[in-house]
Every structure is written in structure tokens, then in C-alpha cells.
Amino acid sequence: MSKILLVAACALIDADGRVLLAQRPPGKSMAGLWEFPGGKVEAGERPEETLIRELNEELAITVREPCLAPLTFASHSYPEFHLLMPLYICRRWEGTVTATEGQQLAWVKPNRLRDFEMPPADVPLIAHLMALL
């Protein structure tokens, strides 16, 4: 039985309807692949709290909980663990999106999301974003 890893992800959507992708940095698993920003849900933390913390740490923006709307989720088995990943959308935040960890960022039109190589768990989420946007 594999361990379940709970990770929260967020599709930040700008005024032009583009979605933010972040490239996984060298040294991390799946380095070089593009993903929706977010991170591991810590013990005692709700997914919304995780996103508020992670988006502040990784992108230097302030997100308020009412601005996070659940869209869909990914459930994907990797060899080492099973990933459960709720995907939220967010259209409002404070501050300017900045790559604080040296990661590459890209604002991508929904119909171009498939041009970016993503972890297997993220790929099925694209269709939901395309339907929304």
C-alpha cells in the first residue's frame, strides 16, 4: 500500500486569461517539468492555508482565502506514493508575481498549456482549465 501525498496546487489566472506555470528547479524530483504552483500540505494545515503560504514563499504574492476557488483534483499513482492534488483557481492577489526560488515562470494561454511538459498528474487538469477559460 503506497503512502498518500496531499499536495495543493493553484492555477493563477491573470486579466488576459493566462495561467501561470512554474518550472521545477534542478535537484528536485521531476526537475525541468512545468507545474501549477503550490506545495505539500503540512500536518494540521488545510489546502487553502498551504496555498496561501506556498504562493507567498514561492511567488511573493498575498492570496486571501475567499479568492481561492476549488476547480478539480488529480489522483495519480507514482511508484513511491499516490498523489492527491486539489487544484484551485485564483484570479485576485496582492503583489507582483516574482520567482523567489530562481524558478522559471511562464504565463500561458489555456490552449498552449499542452506545449509545456508537465508531471503526469498535472496533465489531466489542463482540460478542466480549458473548459473554464
Protein backbone atom coordinates (compact mmCIF):
# COMPACT_ATOMS: atom_id res chain seq x y z
CA MET A 1 0.00 0.00 0.00
CA SER A 2 1.53 3.30 -1.03
CA LYS A 3 1.58 6.43 1.06
CA ILE A 4 -0.86 9.17 0.06
CA LEU A 5 0.77 12.53 -0.50
CA LEU A 6 -1.55 15.54 -0.32
CA VAL A 7 -0.36 18.48 -2.41
CA ALA A 8 -2.35 21.66 -3.11
CA ALA A 9 -1.93 23.43 -6.45
CA CYS A 10 -3.20 26.73 -7.78
CA ALA A 11 -3.90 27.98 -11.28
CA LEU A 12 -3.28 31.71 -11.05
CA ILE A 13 -5.23 33.38 -13.85
CA ASP A 14 -4.32 36.89 -14.98
CA ALA A 15 -6.55 39.55 -16.53
CA ASP A 16 -5.75 38.22 -20.03
CA GLY A 17 -6.96 34.71 -19.11
CA ARG A 18 -3.44 33.28 -18.98
CA VAL A 19 -2.40 30.63 -16.45
CA LEU A 20 0.87 30.71 -14.51
CA LEU A 21 3.18 27.71 -14.80
CA ALA A 22 6.39 27.25 -12.81
CA GLN A 23 9.30 25.04 -13.85
CA ARG A 24 10.57 22.56 -11.27
CA PRO A 25 14.11 23.55 -10.34
CA PRO A 26 17.20 21.34 -10.80
CA GLY A 27 17.73 18.95 -7.90
CA LYS A 28 14.01 18.40 -7.24
CA SER A 29 12.19 15.30 -8.45
CA MET A 30 10.83 15.79 -11.98
CA ALA A 31 13.19 18.77 -12.45
CA GLY A 32 12.54 20.73 -15.64
CA LEU A 33 8.85 19.84 -15.84
CA TRP A 34 6.25 22.61 -15.66
CA GLU A 35 3.56 22.63 -12.98
CA PHE A 36 0.94 24.71 -11.26
CA PRO A 37 2.43 26.47 -8.20
CA GLY A 38 1.68 25.01 -4.78
CA GLY A 39 3.13 22.51 -2.39
CA LYS A 40 2.79 19.77 0.15
CA VAL A 41 0.01 20.15 2.71
CA GLU A 42 1.68 20.07 6.13
CA ALA A 43 0.19 18.27 9.16
CA GLY A 44 -2.73 20.23 10.60
CA GLU A 45 -2.89 22.51 7.56
CA ARG A 46 -5.85 22.93 5.20
CA PRO A 47 -5.11 23.03 1.44
CA GLU A 48 -6.14 26.69 1.31
CA GLU A 49 -3.64 27.54 4.06
CA THR A 50 -0.95 25.62 2.17
CA LEU A 51 -1.55 27.67 -0.97
CA ILE A 52 -1.54 30.99 0.90
CA ARG A 53 1.81 30.02 2.47
CA GLU A 54 3.40 28.49 -0.64
CA LEU A 55 2.32 31.25 -3.05
CA ASN A 56 3.79 33.78 -0.66
CA GLU A 57 7.07 31.82 -0.31
CA GLU A 58 7.49 30.87 -3.99
CA LEU A 59 5.95 33.87 -5.79
CA ALA A 60 5.98 36.73 -3.24
CA ILE A 61 2.22 37.33 -3.56
CA THR A 62 -0.50 37.55 -0.94
CA VAL A 63 -3.61 35.47 -1.62
CA ARG A 64 -6.72 35.67 0.54
CA GLU A 65 -8.72 32.53 1.17
CA PRO A 66 -12.01 33.82 -0.38
CA CYS A 67 -10.09 34.28 -3.67
CA LEU A 68 -9.24 30.55 -3.86
CA ALA A 69 -11.92 28.54 -5.65
CA PRO A 70 -11.63 24.73 -5.90
CA LEU A 71 -11.84 23.60 -9.54
CA THR A 72 -10.93 19.91 -9.72
CA PHE A 73 -8.36 17.46 -8.40
CA ALA A 74 -5.75 14.98 -9.56
CA SER A 75 -5.41 11.44 -8.22
CA HIS A 76 -2.28 9.79 -9.61
CA SER A 77 -0.13 6.83 -8.59
CA TYR A 78 3.61 7.34 -8.80
CA PRO A 79 5.96 4.44 -7.94
CA GLU A 80 6.83 5.87 -4.50
CA PHE A 81 3.47 7.35 -3.47
CA HIS A 82 -0.09 8.18 -4.51
CA LEU A 83 -0.64 11.88 -5.19
CA LEU A 84 -3.91 13.54 -4.28
CA MET A 85 -3.85 17.13 -5.51
CA PRO A 86 -6.74 19.59 -5.31
CA LEU A 87 -6.43 22.34 -7.93
CA TYR A 88 -7.75 25.76 -7.03
CA ILE A 89 -8.10 28.78 -9.27
CA CYS A 90 -7.24 32.29 -8.18
CA ARG A 91 -7.85 35.48 -10.15
CA ARG A 92 -7.02 38.04 -7.42
CA TRP A 93 -3.87 38.52 -5.37
CA GLU A 94 -1.76 41.31 -3.95
CA GLY A 95 1.79 41.97 -5.11
CA THR A 96 3.69 41.14 -8.27
CA VAL A 97 4.36 37.52 -9.18
CA THR A 98 8.11 37.05 -8.68
CA ALA A 99 10.17 33.85 -8.88
CA THR A 100 11.69 33.91 -5.38
CA GLU A 101 13.35 30.48 -5.71
CA GLY A 102 15.01 31.13 -9.06
CA GLN A 103 12.42 29.02 -10.89
CA GLN A 104 11.34 29.84 -14.45
CA LEU A 105 7.77 31.16 -14.74
CA ALA A 106 5.51 31.35 -17.77
CA TRP A 107 2.09 32.94 -18.32
CA VAL A 108 0.37 30.60 -20.76
CA LYS A 109 -2.87 30.81 -22.75
CA PRO A 110 -5.03 27.75 -21.91
CA ASN A 111 -4.81 26.37 -25.47
CA ARG A 112 -0.97 26.38 -25.19
CA LEU A 113 -0.74 24.54 -21.85
CA ARG A 114 -0.13 21.22 -23.63
CA ASP A 115 3.04 22.70 -25.20
CA PHE A 116 4.71 22.53 -21.77
CA GLU A 117 5.97 19.19 -20.45
CA MET A 118 4.23 18.55 -17.13
CA PRO A 119 4.25 15.81 -14.46
CA PRO A 120 1.75 13.04 -15.32
CA ALA A 121 -0.63 14.10 -12.51
CA ASP A 122 -0.93 17.65 -13.89
CA VAL A 123 -1.79 16.74 -17.49
CA PRO A 124 -5.48 15.76 -16.93
CA LEU A 125 -6.08 19.12 -15.20
CA ILE A 126 -5.49 21.04 -18.44
CA ALA A 127 -8.86 20.02 -19.92
CA HIS A 128 -10.66 21.46 -16.88
CA LEU A 129 -8.85 24.79 -17.25
CA MET A 130 -9.54 24.91 -20.98
CA ALA A 131 -13.25 24.31 -20.34
CA LEU A 132 -13.28 27.06 -17.70
CA LEU A 133 -11.33 29.66 -19.69
